[in-house]
C-alpha atoms as a PDB file:
ATOM      1  CA  UNK A   1     148.642-109.976  36.339  1.00  0.00           C
ATOM      2  CA  UNK A   2     145.702-109.811  38.726  1.00  0.00           C
ATOM      3  CA  UNK A   3     144.710-106.315  39.708  1.00  0.00           C
ATOM      4  CA  UNK A   4     145.433-105.242  43.266  1.00  0.00           C
ATOM      5  CA  UNK A   5     142.663-105.092  45.836  1.00  0.00           C
ATOM      6  CA  UNK A   6     144.255-101.966  47.259  1.00  0.00           C
ATOM      7  CA  UNK A   7     142.452 -98.966  45.753  1.00  0.00           C
ATOM      8  CA  UNK A   8     143.356 -95.555  47.189  1.00  0.00           C
ATOM      9  CA  UNK A   9     141.771 -93.310  44.512  1.00  0.00           C
ATOM     10  CA  UNK A  10     138.234 -93.284  43.148  1.00  0.00           C
ATOM     11  CA  UNK A  11     136.099 -90.705  41.367  1.00  0.00           C
ATOM     12  CA  UNK A  12     132.405 -90.757  42.215  1.00  0.00           C
ATOM     13  CA  UNK A  13     129.276 -88.830  41.268  1.00  0.00           C
ATOM     14  CA  UNK A  14     127.154 -87.896  44.284  1.00  0.00           C
ATOM     15  CA  UNK A  15     123.667 -86.407  44.163  1.00  0.00           C
ATOM     16  CA  UNK A  16     121.510 -85.585  47.160  1.00  0.00           C
ATOM     17  CA  UNK A  17     117.712 -85.622  47.158  1.00  0.00           C
ATOM     18  CA  UNK A  18     115.346 -82.751  46.403  1.00  0.00           C
ATOM     19  CA  UNK A  19     113.378 -81.399  49.317  1.00  0.00           C
ATOM     20  CA  UNK A  20     109.682 -82.274  49.205  1.00  0.00           C
ATOM     21  CA  UNK A  21     107.194 -79.442  48.524  1.00  0.00           C
ATOM     22  CA  UNK A  22     105.025 -78.072  51.275  1.00  0.00           C
ATOM     23  CA  UNK A  23     101.267 -78.640  51.017  1.00  0.00           C
ATOM     24  CA  UNK A  24      98.605 -75.977  50.286  1.00  0.00           C
ATOM     25  CA  UNK A  25      95.825 -77.900  51.996  1.00  0.00           C
ATOM     26  CA  UNK A  26      92.753 -76.694  53.915  1.00  0.00           C
ATOM     27  CA  UNK A  27      91.002 -78.450  56.728  1.00  0.00           C
ATOM     28  CA  UNK A  28      87.870 -80.165  55.491  1.00  0.00           C
ATOM     29  CA  UNK A  29      85.466 -81.664  58.013  1.00  0.00           C
ATOM     30  CA  UNK A  30      81.749 -82.207  58.148  1.00  0.00           C
ATOM     31  CA  UNK A  31      79.941 -79.243  59.719  1.00  0.00           C
ATOM     32  CA  UNK A  32      83.115 -77.106  59.370  1.00  0.00           C
ATOM     33  CA  UNK A  33      82.384 -74.813  56.444  1.00  0.00           C
ATOM     34  CA  UNK A  34      85.584 -72.762  56.451  1.00  0.00           C
ATOM     35  CA  UNK A  35      88.406 -74.902  57.779  1.00  0.00           C
ATOM     36  CA  UNK A  36      91.756 -73.144  58.047  1.00  0.00           C
ATOM     37  CA  UNK A  37      95.031 -74.019  56.323  1.00  0.00           C
ATOM     38  CA  UNK A  38      96.625 -77.270  57.525  1.00  0.00           C
ATOM     39  CA  UNK A  39      99.154 -78.082  54.810  1.00  0.00           C
ATOM     40  CA  UNK A  40     102.187 -79.936  56.185  1.00  0.00           C
ATOM     41  CA  UNK A  41     105.855 -79.434  55.427  1.00  0.00           C
ATOM     42  CA  UNK A  42     107.796 -81.362  52.823  1.00  0.00           C
ATOM     43  CA  UNK A  43     110.444 -83.864  53.853  1.00  0.00           C
ATOM     44  CA  UNK A  44     114.164 -83.228  53.594  1.00  0.00           C
ATOM     45  CA  UNK A  45     116.027 -84.723  50.666  1.00  0.00           C
ATOM     46  CA  UNK A  46     118.507 -87.457  51.475  1.00  0.00           C
ATOM     47  CA  UNK A  47     122.164 -86.604  52.168  1.00  0.00           C
ATOM     48  CA  UNK A  48     125.191 -88.442  50.801  1.00  0.00           C
ATOM     49  CA  UNK A  49     127.383 -89.066  53.842  1.00  0.00           C
ATOM     50  CA  UNK A  50     130.936 -90.334  54.307  1.00  0.00           C
ATOM     51  CA  UNK A  51     131.411 -92.405  57.467  1.00  0.00           C
ATOM     52  CA  UNK A  52     134.754 -93.506  58.885  1.00  0.00           C
ATOM     53  CA  UNK A  53     135.104 -97.253  59.392  1.00  0.00           C
ATOM     54  CA  UNK A  54     138.267 -98.650  60.936  1.00  0.00           C
ATOM     55  CA  UNK A  55     137.536-102.070  59.385  1.00  0.00           C
ATOM     56  CA  UNK A  56     138.103-100.696  55.890  1.00  0.00           C
ATOM     57  CA  UNK A  57     141.608-100.355  54.413  1.00  0.00           C
ATOM     58  CA  UNK A  58     140.784 -99.606  50.787  1.00  0.00           C
ATOM     59  CA  UNK A  59     138.261 -97.803  48.557  1.00  0.00           C
ATOM     60  CA  UNK A  60     137.743-100.813  46.287  1.00  0.00           C
ATOM     61  CA  UNK A  61     134.078-101.145  47.337  1.00  0.00           C
ATOM     62  CA  UNK A  62     133.374 -97.771  45.680  1.00  0.00           C
ATOM     63  CA  UNK A  63     135.316 -98.491  42.490  1.00  0.00           C
ATOM     64  CA  UNK A  64     132.278-100.125  40.884  1.00  0.00           C
ATOM     65  CA  UNK A  65     129.620 -98.013  42.615  1.00  0.00           C
ATOM     66  CA  UNK A  66     130.568 -94.644  41.228  1.00  0.00           C
ATOM     67  CA  UNK A  67     127.072 -93.136  41.078  1.00  0.00           C
ATOM     68  CA  UNK A  68     125.492 -92.412  44.448  1.00  0.00           C
ATOM     69  CA  UNK A  69     122.037 -90.802  44.392  1.00  0.00           C
ATOM     70  CA  UNK A  70     119.947 -90.202  47.508  1.00  0.00           C
ATOM     71  CA  UNK A  71     116.146 -90.198  47.669  1.00  0.00           C
ATOM     72  CA  UNK A  72     113.969 -87.128  47.287  1.00  0.00           C
ATOM     73  CA  UNK A  73     111.906 -85.936  50.228  1.00  0.00           C
ATOM     74  CA  UNK A  74     108.164 -86.504  50.046  1.00  0.00           C
ATOM     75  CA  UNK A  75     105.654 -83.671  49.855  1.00  0.00           C
ATOM     76  CA  UNK A  76     103.639 -82.562  52.856  1.00  0.00           C
ATOM     77  CA  UNK A  77      99.915 -83.316  53.135  1.00  0.00           C
ATOM     78  CA  UNK A  78      96.809 -82.240  55.028  1.00  0.00           C
ATOM     79  CA  UNK A  79      96.366 -82.270  58.790  1.00  0.00           C
ATOM     80  CA  UNK A  80      99.840 -80.754  59.049  1.00  0.00           C
ATOM     81  CA  UNK A  81     101.354 -84.088  58.040  1.00  0.00           C
ATOM     82  CA  UNK A  82     105.083 -83.849  57.429  1.00  0.00           C
ATOM     83  CA  UNK A  83     106.417 -85.507  54.317  1.00  0.00           C
ATOM     84  CA  UNK A  84     108.867 -88.377  54.797  1.00  0.00           C
ATOM     85  CA  UNK A  85     112.556 -87.470  54.595  1.00  0.00           C
ATOM     86  CA  UNK A  86     114.501 -88.961  51.715  1.00  0.00           C
ATOM     87  CA  UNK A  87     116.739 -91.866  52.683  1.00  0.00           C
ATOM     88  CA  UNK A  88     120.384 -90.915  53.217  1.00  0.00           C
ATOM     89  CA  UNK A  89     123.195 -92.762  51.489  1.00  0.00           C
ATOM     90  CA  UNK A  90     126.028 -93.592  53.899  1.00  0.00           C
ATOM     91  CA  UNK A  91     129.360 -94.543  52.346  1.00  0.00           C
ATOM     92  CA  UNK A  92     131.774 -96.311  54.680  1.00  0.00           C
ATOM     93  CA  UNK A  93     135.354 -95.263  53.954  1.00  0.00           C
ATOM     94  CA  UNK A  94     138.725 -96.081  55.550  1.00  0.00           C
ATOM     95  CA  UNK A  95     140.226 -93.652  58.028  1.00  0.00           C
ATOM     96  CA  UNK A  96     142.407 -91.134  56.237  1.00  0.00           C
ATOM     97  CA  UNK A  97     140.010 -90.592  53.305  1.00  0.00           C
ATOM     98  CA  UNK A  98     140.011 -87.112  51.772  1.00  0.00           C
ATOM     99  CA  UNK A  99     137.195 -85.932  49.472  1.00  0.00           C
ATOM    100  CA  UNK A 100     137.980 -83.267  46.881  1.00  0.00           C
ATOM    101  CA  UNK A 101     135.844 -81.416  44.356  1.00  0.00           C
ATOM    102  CA  UNK A 102     136.813 -82.968  41.030  1.00  0.00           C
ATOM    103  CA  UNK A 103     136.608 -79.637  39.195  1.00  0.00           C
ATOM    104  CA  UNK A 104     138.379 -77.292  41.596  1.00  0.00           C
ATOM    105  CA  UNK A 105     140.559 -79.736  43.526  1.00  0.00           C
ATOM    106  CA  UNK A 106     139.330 -78.121  46.747  1.00  0.00           C
ATOM    107  CA  UNK A 107     139.181 -80.386  49.788  1.00  0.00           C
ATOM    108  CA  UNK A 108     135.566 -80.622  50.944  1.00  0.00           C
ATOM    109  CA  UNK A 109     135.802 -83.325  53.627  1.00  0.00           C
ATOM    110  CA  UNK A 110     138.292 -85.406  55.608  1.00  0.00           C
ATOM    111  CA  UNK A 111     137.504 -88.550  57.580  1.00  0.00           C
ATOM    112  CA  UNK A 112     140.083 -89.460  60.212  1.00  0.00           C
ATOM    113  CA  UNK A 113     138.097 -91.076  63.053  1.00  0.00           C
ATOM    114  CA  UNK A 114     136.047 -94.237  63.392  1.00  0.00           C
ATOM    115  CA  UNK A 115     132.271 -93.593  63.020  1.00  0.00           C
ATOM    116  CA  UNK A 116     132.925 -89.944  62.093  1.00  0.00           C
ATOM    117  CA  UNK A 117     130.261 -88.776  59.652  1.00  0.00           C
ATOM    118  CA  UNK A 118     130.710 -85.966  57.127  1.00  0.00           C
ATOM    119  CA  UNK A 119     128.006 -84.799  54.715  1.00  0.00           C
ATOM    120  CA  UNK A 120     129.425 -84.828  51.191  1.00  0.00           C
ATOM    121  CA  UNK A 121     126.326 -83.374  49.492  1.00  0.00           C
ATOM    122  CA  UNK A 122     123.434 -82.046  51.558  1.00  0.00           C
ATOM    123  CA  UNK A 123     119.825 -82.875  50.748  1.00  0.00           C
ATOM    124  CA  UNK A 124     117.462 -80.020  49.961  1.00  0.00           C
ATOM    125  CA  UNK A 125     115.263 -78.749  52.794  1.00  0.00           C
ATOM    126  CA  UNK A 126     111.569 -79.490  52.570  1.00  0.00           C
ATOM    127  CA  UNK A 127     109.210 -76.609  51.781  1.00  0.00           C
ATOM    128  CA  UNK A 128     106.893 -75.154  54.430  1.00  0.00           C
ATOM    129  CA  UNK A 129     103.182 -75.937  54.261  1.00  0.00           C
ATOM    130  CA  UNK A 130     100.584 -73.184  53.943  1.00  0.00           C
ATOM    131  CA  UNK A 131      99.651 -73.287  57.630  1.00  0.00           C
ATOM    132  CA  UNK A 132     102.947 -71.494  58.363  1.00  0.00           C
ATOM    133  CA  UNK A 133     101.798 -68.485  56.324  1.00  0.00           C
ATOM    134  CA  UNK A 134      98.472 -67.760  58.005  1.00  0.00           C
ATOM    135  CA  UNK A 135      98.171 -64.242  59.463  1.00  0.00           C
ATOM    136  CA  UNK A 136      95.459 -62.097  60.980  1.00  0.00           C
ATOM    137  CA  UNK A 137      94.861 -60.479  57.605  1.00  0.00           C
ATOM    138  CA  UNK A 138      95.357 -63.603  55.482  1.00  0.00           C
ATOM    139  CA  UNK A 139      93.738 -66.536  57.208  1.00  0.00           C
ATOM    140  CA  UNK A 140      93.504 -68.678  54.104  1.00  0.00           C
ATOM    141  CA  UNK A 141      96.901 -68.595  52.339  1.00  0.00           C
ATOM    142  CA  UNK A 142      96.824 -70.655  49.175  1.00  0.00           C
ATOM    143  CA  UNK A 143     100.545 -70.944  48.730  1.00  0.00           C
ATOM    144  CA  UNK A 144     103.323 -73.049  50.209  1.00  0.00           C
ATOM    145  CA  UNK A 145     107.042 -73.384  49.640  1.00  0.00           C
ATOM    146  CA  UNK A 146     108.609 -75.696  47.102  1.00  0.00           C
ATOM    147  CA  UNK A 147     111.393 -77.896  48.412  1.00  0.00           C
ATOM    148  CA  UNK A 148     115.019 -76.854  47.973  1.00  0.00           C
ATOM    149  CA  UNK A 149     116.786 -78.471  45.011  1.00  0.00           C
ATOM    150  CA  UNK A 150     119.350 -81.235  45.375  1.00  0.00           C
ATOM    151  CA  UNK A 151     123.117 -80.804  45.205  1.00  0.00           C
ATOM    152  CA  UNK A 152     125.336 -82.817  42.910  1.00  0.00           C
ATOM    153  CA  UNK A 153     128.896 -83.081  41.751  1.00  0.00           C
ATOM    154  CA  UNK A 154     131.865 -85.266  40.918  1.00  0.00           C
ATOM    155  CA  UNK A 155     134.245 -85.928  43.787  1.00  0.00           C
ATOM    156  CA  UNK A 156     137.645 -87.547  44.089  1.00  0.00           C
ATOM    157  CA  UNK A 157     138.155 -89.740  47.141  1.00  0.00           C
ATOM    158  CA  UNK A 158     141.811 -90.254  48.072  1.00  0.00           C
ATOM    159  CA  UNK A 159     143.095 -92.468  50.837  1.00  0.00           C
ATOM    160  CA  UNK A 160     146.067 -91.256  52.853  1.00  0.00           C
ATOM    161  CA  UNK A 161     147.215 -94.093  55.080  1.00  0.00           C
ATOM    162  CA  UNK A 162     147.068 -93.298  58.789  1.00  0.00           C
ATOM    163  CA  UNK A 163     150.162 -94.624  60.552  1.00  0.00           C
ATOM    164  CA  UNK A 164     152.451 -93.500  63.336  1.00  0.00           C
ATOM    165  CA  UNK A 165     155.695 -94.269  61.497  1.00  0.00           C
ATOM    166  CA  UNK A 166     156.223 -94.127  57.739  1.00  0.00           C
ATOM    167  CA  UNK A 167     159.209 -95.867  56.131  1.00  0.00           C
ATOM    168  CA  UNK A 168     160.938 -93.703  53.519  1.00  0.00           C
ATOM    169  CA  UNK A 169     163.584 -95.026  51.180  1.00  0.00           C
ATOM    170  CA  UNK A 170     164.542 -96.020  47.682  1.00  0.00           C
ATOM    171  CA  UNK A 171     163.479 -99.428  46.340  1.00  0.00           C
ATOM    172  CA  UNK A 172     165.377-102.291  47.969  1.00  0.00           C
ATOM    173  CA  UNK A 173     166.255-100.224  51.051  1.00  0.00           C
ATOM    174  CA  UNK A 174     164.913-103.033  53.250  1.00  0.00           C
ATOM    175  CA  UNK A 175     161.607-101.424  54.259  1.00  0.00           C
ATOM    176  CA  UNK A 176     159.446-104.489  53.654  1.00  0.00           C
ATOM    177  CA  UNK A 177     161.954-106.747  55.387  1.00  0.00           C
ATOM    178  CA  UNK A 178     162.009-104.521  58.469  1.00  0.00           C
ATOM    179  CA  UNK A 179     158.200-104.449  58.629  1.00  0.00           C
ATOM    180  CA  UNK A 180     158.053-108.237  58.386  1.00  0.00           C
ATOM    181  CA  UNK A 181     160.544-108.553  61.254  1.00  0.00           C
ATOM    182  CA  UNK A 182     159.027-106.060  63.714  1.00  0.00           C
ATOM    183  CA  UNK A 183     155.341-106.882  63.083  1.00  0.00           C
ATOM    184  CA  UNK A 184     153.049-109.659  61.912  1.00  0.00           C
ATOM    185  CA  UNK A 185     152.675-108.040  58.473  1.00  0.00           C
ATOM    186  CA  UNK A 186     153.692-110.220  55.523  1.00  0.00           C
ATOM    187  CA  UNK A 187     154.615-107.844  52.684  1.00  0.00           C
ATOM    188  CA  UNK A 188     155.936-109.170  49.390  1.00  0.00           C
ATOM    189  CA  UNK A 189     159.733-109.214  49.442  1.00  0.00           C
ATOM    190  CA  UNK A 190     162.048-109.754  46.471  1.00  0.00           C
ATOM    191  CA  UNK A 191     165.353-108.470  45.171  1.00  0.00           C
ATOM    192  CA  UNK A 192     164.077-106.074  42.520  1.00  0.00           C
ATOM    193  CA  UNK A 193     162.819-102.503  42.418  1.00  0.00           C
ATOM    194  CA  UNK A 194     159.196-101.754  43.326  1.00  0.00           C
ATOM    195  CA  UNK A 195     158.539-105.123  44.934  1.00  0.00           C
ATOM    196  CA  UNK A 196     156.089-103.207  47.103  1.00  0.00           C
ATOM    197  CA  UNK A 197     153.303-101.801  44.953  1.00  0.00           C
ATOM    198  CA  UNK A 198     150.927-100.852  47.737  1.00  0.00           C
ATOM    199  CA  UNK A 199     151.333 -99.584  51.309  1.00  0.00           C
ATOM    200  CA  UNK A 200     151.538-102.267  53.977  1.00  0.00           C
ATOM    201  CA  UNK A 201     150.655-101.646  57.606  1.00  0.00           C
ATOM    202  CA  UNK A 202     151.964-103.491  60.635  1.00  0.00           C
ATOM    203  CA  UNK A 203     151.474-103.149  64.386  1.00  0.00           C
ATOM    204  CA  UNK A 204     154.818-102.957  66.175  1.00  0.00           C
ATOM    205  CA  UNK A 205     154.885-103.992  69.826  1.00  0.00           C
ATOM    206  CA  UNK A 206     157.332-102.310  72.168  1.00  0.00           C
ATOM    207  CA  UNK A 207     158.028-102.568  75.888  1.00  0.00           C
ATOM    208  CA  UNK A 208     155.296-102.573  78.578  1.00  0.00           C
ATOM    209  CA  UNK A 209     152.546-103.638  76.179  1.00  0.00           C
ATOM    210  CA  UNK A 210     152.676-100.481  74.066  1.00  0.00           C
ATOM    211  CA  UNK A 211     152.424-100.557  70.268  1.00  0.00           C
ATOM    212  CA  UNK A 212     152.386 -98.304  67.247  1.00  0.00           C
ATOM    213  CA  UNK A 213     151.459 -98.597  63.555  1.00  0.00           C
ATOM    214  CA  UNK A 214     154.197 -98.681  60.931  1.00  0.00           C
ATOM    215  CA  UNK A 215     153.587 -98.171  57.190  1.00  0.00           C
ATOM    216  CA  UNK A 216     155.828 -99.563  54.465  1.00  0.00           C
ATOM    217  CA  UNK A 217     155.436 -97.013  51.652  1.00  0.00           C
ATOM    218  CA  UNK A 218     156.449 -98.094  48.106  1.00  0.00           C
ATOM    219  CA  UNK A 219     159.943 -96.938  47.185  1.00  0.00           C
ATOM    220  CA  UNK A 220     160.654 -93.406  46.065  1.00  0.00           C
ATOM    221  CA  UNK A 221     163.020 -92.623  43.213  1.00  0.00           C
ATOM    222  CA  UNK A 222     164.596 -89.320  42.262  1.00  0.00           C
ATOM    223  CA  UNK A 223     161.967 -87.323  40.377  1.00  0.00           C
ATOM    224  CA  UNK A 224     159.034 -89.092  42.030  1.00  0.00           C
ATOM    225  CA  UNK A 225     157.345 -85.750  42.788  1.00  0.00           C
ATOM    226  CA  UNK A 226     157.220 -85.191  39.007  1.00  0.00           C
ATOM    227  CA  UNK A 227     155.534 -88.532  38.439  1.00  0.00           C
ATOM    228  CA  UNK A 228     158.589 -90.680  37.709  1.00  0.00           C
ATOM    229  CA  UNK A 229     158.601 -94.289  38.835  1.00  0.00           C
ATOM    230  CA  UNK A 230     155.384 -94.878  40.736  1.00  0.00           C
ATOM    231  CA  UNK A 231     155.225 -91.090  40.898  1.00  0.00           C
ATOM    232  CA  UNK A 232     153.127 -89.192  43.396  1.00  0.00           C
ATOM    233  CA  UNK A 233     150.697 -92.073  43.791  1.00  0.00           C
ATOM    234  CA  UNK A 234     152.075 -93.078  47.176  1.00  0.00           C
ATOM    235  CA  UNK A 235     153.833 -89.923  48.348  1.00  0.00           C
ATOM    236  CA  UNK A 236     150.525 -88.727  49.807  1.00  0.00           C
ATOM    237  CA  UNK A 237     150.477 -91.687  52.204  1.00  0.00           C
ATOM    238  CA  UNK A 238     153.495 -90.227  53.992  1.00  0.00           C
ATOM    239  CA  UNK A 239     151.617 -86.980  54.722  1.00  0.00           C
ATOM    240  CA  UNK A 240     149.646 -88.525  57.594  1.00  0.00           C
ATOM    241  CA  UNK A 241     152.566 -90.225  59.368  1.00  0.00           C
ATOM    242  CA  UNK A 242     153.703 -88.707  62.662  1.00  0.00           C
ATOM    243  CA  UNK A 243     157.326 -89.834  62.292  1.00  0.00           C
ATOM    244  CA  UNK A 244     159.364 -90.590  59.166  1.00  0.00           C
ATOM    245  CA  UNK A 245     162.041 -93.286  59.335  1.00  0.00           C
ATOM    246  CA  UNK A 246     164.519 -92.816  56.498  1.00  0.00           C
ATOM    247  CA  UNK A 247     166.086 -96.131  55.504  1.00  0.00           C
ATOM    248  CA  UNK A 248     169.369 -96.195  53.579  1.00  0.00           C
ATOM    249  CA  UNK A 249     171.434 -99.362  52.968  1.00  0.00           C
ATOM    250  CA  UNK A 250     174.958 -99.510  54.364  1.00  0.00           C
ATOM    251  CA  UNK A 251     176.370-100.373  50.925  1.00  0.00           C
ATOM    252  CA  UNK A 252     175.021 -97.160  49.381  1.00  0.00           C
ATOM    253  CA  UNK A 253     177.716 -95.169  47.581  1.00  0.00           C
ATOM    254  CA  UNK A 254     176.897 -91.942  49.461  1.00  0.00           C
ATOM    255  CA  UNK A 255     174.509 -92.162  52.430  1.00  0.00           C
ATOM    256  CA  UNK A 256     174.316 -88.400  52.972  1.00  0.00           C
ATOM    257  CA  UNK A 257     173.563 -87.703  49.291  1.00  0.00           C
ATOM    258  CA  UNK A 258     170.841 -90.364  49.243  1.00  0.00           C
ATOM    259  CA  UNK A 259     169.271 -88.773  52.299  1.00  0.00           C
ATOM    260  CA  UNK A 260     169.353 -85.377  50.568  1.00  0.00           C
ATOM    261  CA  UNK A 261     167.591 -86.796  47.491  1.00  0.00           C
ATOM    262  CA  UNK A 262     164.881 -88.456  49.574  1.00  0.00           C
ATOM    263  CA  UNK A 263     164.330 -85.315  51.627  1.00  0.00           C
ATOM    264  CA  UNK A 264     164.162 -83.182  48.488  1.00  0.00           C
ATOM    265  CA  UNK A 265     161.489 -85.423  46.947  1.00  0.00           C
ATOM    266  CA  UNK A 266     159.329 -84.981  50.037  1.00  0.00           C
ATOM    267  CA  UNK A 267     159.968 -81.228  50.068  1.00  0.00           C
ATOM    268  CA  UNK A 268     159.061 -80.829  46.394  1.00  0.00           C
ATOM    269  CA  UNK A 269     155.863 -82.822  46.893  1.00  0.00           C
ATOM    270  CA  UNK A 270     154.794 -81.016  50.080  1.00  0.00           C
ATOM    271  CA  UNK A 271     157.075 -78.624  52.037  1.00  0.00           C
ATOM    272  CA  UNK A 272     155.137 -79.377  55.235  1.00  0.00           C
ATOM    273  CA  UNK A 273     156.758 -82.828  55.211  1.00  0.00           C
ATOM    274  CA  UNK A 274     159.910 -81.202  56.570  1.00  0.00           C
ATOM    275  CA  UNK A 275     158.069 -80.383  59.809  1.00  0.00           C
ATOM    276  CA  UNK A 276     157.739 -84.068  60.690  1.00  0.00           C
ATOM    277  CA  UNK A 277     160.130 -85.770  63.076  1.00  0.00           C
ATOM    278  CA  UNK A 278     162.778 -87.754  61.231  1.00  0.00           C
ATOM    279  CA  UNK A 279     165.001 -90.682  62.117  1.00  0.00           C
ATOM    280  CA  UNK A 280     167.635 -92.548  60.126  1.00  0.00           C
ATOM    281  CA  UNK A 281     168.209 -96.298  59.921  1.00  0.00           C
ATOM    282  CA  UNK A 282     171.315 -97.614  58.153  1.00  0.00           C
ATOM    283  CA  UNK A 283     170.109-101.017  56.936  1.00  0.00           C
ATOM    284  CA  UNK A 284     172.088-104.143  56.034  1.00  0.00           C
ATOM    285  CA  UNK A 285     174.668-103.156  58.663  1.00  0.00           C
ATOM    286  CA  UNK A 286     175.573-106.782  59.372  1.00  0.00           C
ATOM    287  CA  UNK A 287     178.056-106.464  56.465  1.00  0.00           C
ATOM    288  CA  UNK A 288     179.971-103.692  58.264  1.00  0.00           C
ATOM    289  CA  UNK A 289     182.924-104.201  60.530  1.00  0.00           C
ATOM    290  CA  UNK A 290     183.753-101.822  63.369  1.00  0.00           C
ATOM    291  CA  UNK A 291     186.095 -99.717  61.237  1.00  0.00           C
ATOM    292  CA  UNK A 292     183.494 -99.151  58.498  1.00  0.00           C
ATOM    293  CA  UNK A 293     180.801 -98.385  61.068  1.00  0.00           C
ATOM    294  CA  UNK A 294     183.028 -95.727  62.657  1.00  0.00           C
ATOM    295  CA  UNK A 295     183.795 -94.219  59.221  1.00  0.00           C
ATOM    296  CA  UNK A 296     180.105 -94.002  58.288  1.00  0.00           C
ATOM    297  CA  UNK A 297     179.260 -92.553  61.700  1.00  0.00           C
ATOM    298  CA  UNK A 298     181.858 -89.801  61.219  1.00  0.00           C
ATOM    299  CA  UNK A 299     180.495 -89.087  57.709  1.00  0.00           C
ATOM    300  CA  UNK A 300     176.919 -88.813  59.007  1.00  0.00           C
ATOM    301  CA  UNK A 301     177.864 -86.618  61.968  1.00  0.00           C
ATOM    302  CA  UNK A 302     179.718 -84.233  59.666  1.00  0.00           C
ATOM    303  CA  UNK A 303     176.664 -83.646  57.453  1.00  0.00           C
ATOM    304  CA  UNK A 304     174.647 -80.525  58.448  1.00  0.00           C
ATOM    305  CA  UNK A 305     171.417 -82.075  57.079  1.00  0.00           C
ATOM    306  CA  UNK A 306     171.680 -84.953  59.555  1.00  0.00           C
ATOM    307  CA  UNK A 307     172.544 -82.864  62.580  1.00  0.00           C
ATOM    308  CA  UNK A 308     170.266 -83.832  65.460  1.00  0.00           C
ATOM    309  CA  UNK A 309     168.609 -86.689  63.520  1.00  0.00           C
ATOM    310  CA  UNK A 310     168.565 -89.852  65.700  1.00  0.00           C
ATOM    311  CA  UNK A 311     170.133 -92.814  63.880  1.00  0.00           C
ATOM    312  CA  UNK A 312     170.671 -96.527  64.272  1.00  0.00           C
ATOM    313  CA  UNK A 313     172.700 -99.131  62.393  1.00  0.00           C
ATOM    314  CA  UNK A 314     170.416-102.133  61.920  1.00  0.00           C
ATOM    315  CA  UNK A 315     170.100-105.484  60.189  1.00  0.00           C
ATOM    316  CA  UNK A 316     166.668-107.015  59.757  1.00  0.00           C
ATOM    317  CA  UNK A 317     168.272-110.339  58.796  1.00  0.00           C
ATOM    318  CA  UNK A 318     170.391-110.784  61.944  1.00  0.00           C
ATOM    319  CA  UNK A 319     168.256-108.646  64.271  1.00  0.00           C
ATOM    320  CA  UNK A 320     171.110-106.200  64.893  1.00  0.00           C
ATOM    321  CA  UNK A 321     169.824-103.231  66.963  1.00  0.00           C
ATOM    322  CA  UNK A 322     166.178-103.908  66.003  1.00  0.00           C
ATOM    323  CA  UNK A 323     165.030-103.625  69.623  1.00  0.00           C
ATOM    324  CA  UNK A 324     166.982-100.387  70.025  1.00  0.00           C
ATOM    325  CA  UNK A 325     165.347 -99.020  66.866  1.00  0.00           C
ATOM    326  CA  UNK A 326     161.856 -99.809  68.166  1.00  0.00           C
ATOM    327  CA  UNK A 327     162.663 -98.113  71.482  1.00  0.00           C
ATOM    328  CA  UNK A 328     164.016 -95.080  69.623  1.00  0.00           C
ATOM    329  CA  UNK A 329     160.848 -94.840  67.510  1.00  0.00           C
ATOM    330  CA  UNK A 330     158.583 -95.161  70.551  1.00  0.00           C
ATOM    331  CA  UNK A 331     160.553 -92.494  72.416  1.00  0.00           C
ATOM    332  CA  UNK A 332     160.203 -90.133  69.421  1.00  0.00           C
ATOM    333  CA  UNK A 333     156.461 -90.816  69.094  1.00  0.00           C
ATOM    334  CA  UNK A 334     155.786 -90.099  72.775  1.00  0.00           C
ATOM    335  CA  UNK A 335     158.046 -87.059  73.025  1.00  0.00           C
ATOM    336  CA  UNK A 336     156.166 -83.805  73.628  1.00  0.00           C
END
């Protein structure tokens, strides 16, 4: 099987440049017997910088460029000449990229905006030349500063997909089908678990020319927060979504229990997930008659966990209540 072009996790080594040393130079001119100090400053070492780029959707371009080393700054010279700064390395990354220290796991940078630049490792400052150290009592200092040393380390870059609405549900809940119906996205769709092996994004148009971004997140299973199934690999993509749309098929044995399991997986992975706005879509509802719809509605309304959660019975195949669902999502996104 060909490997996926979607890469949302890479480990890189980044090293900045050493600062250039300052110069201990003295002015030397014809007919000037005792020229004063004129040593210039050293140049700054190059930074390693992360830059947000909204044209990137994956970290695959860094998968095979794992060692990033910036240039050293040049030393200063006479006539107060400043050494050249080391060339920075700028790494374009998709929006939603988080950089963590590989040893401590501490988050050191987050890139969420286009053209936003964050210094991952800072280049060493150049040393001062000897002309900075002249005084009334020491007019010929013979010392200058060395440049500051570089910084280095291993870093983990993780991509957390930025989307307005994230689709949450077990495999075969109809997430990919819904995305294909409401947007121009063409996710892989088949009747087996984990058809979706990577997040898919689609732009959903609503009334009056407005639109929002929807993310189809690979299916969760019970125990996903412990690494079961696809594990925690894609749970992090849900962290950046403003609204979570829980999708449960109408033919599920117990809709309320399935909702509880999904909610618990998110809670176990990150309790802050529970602060997000939630909606419920009962998929494949074209197979329900009015009596079954009323029975399921009563069951949902009686569940404390679903109290106050907006819901809609939908069918992506027949288009049942798809427009109403989009309006409901837009209303939730724009609510203060």
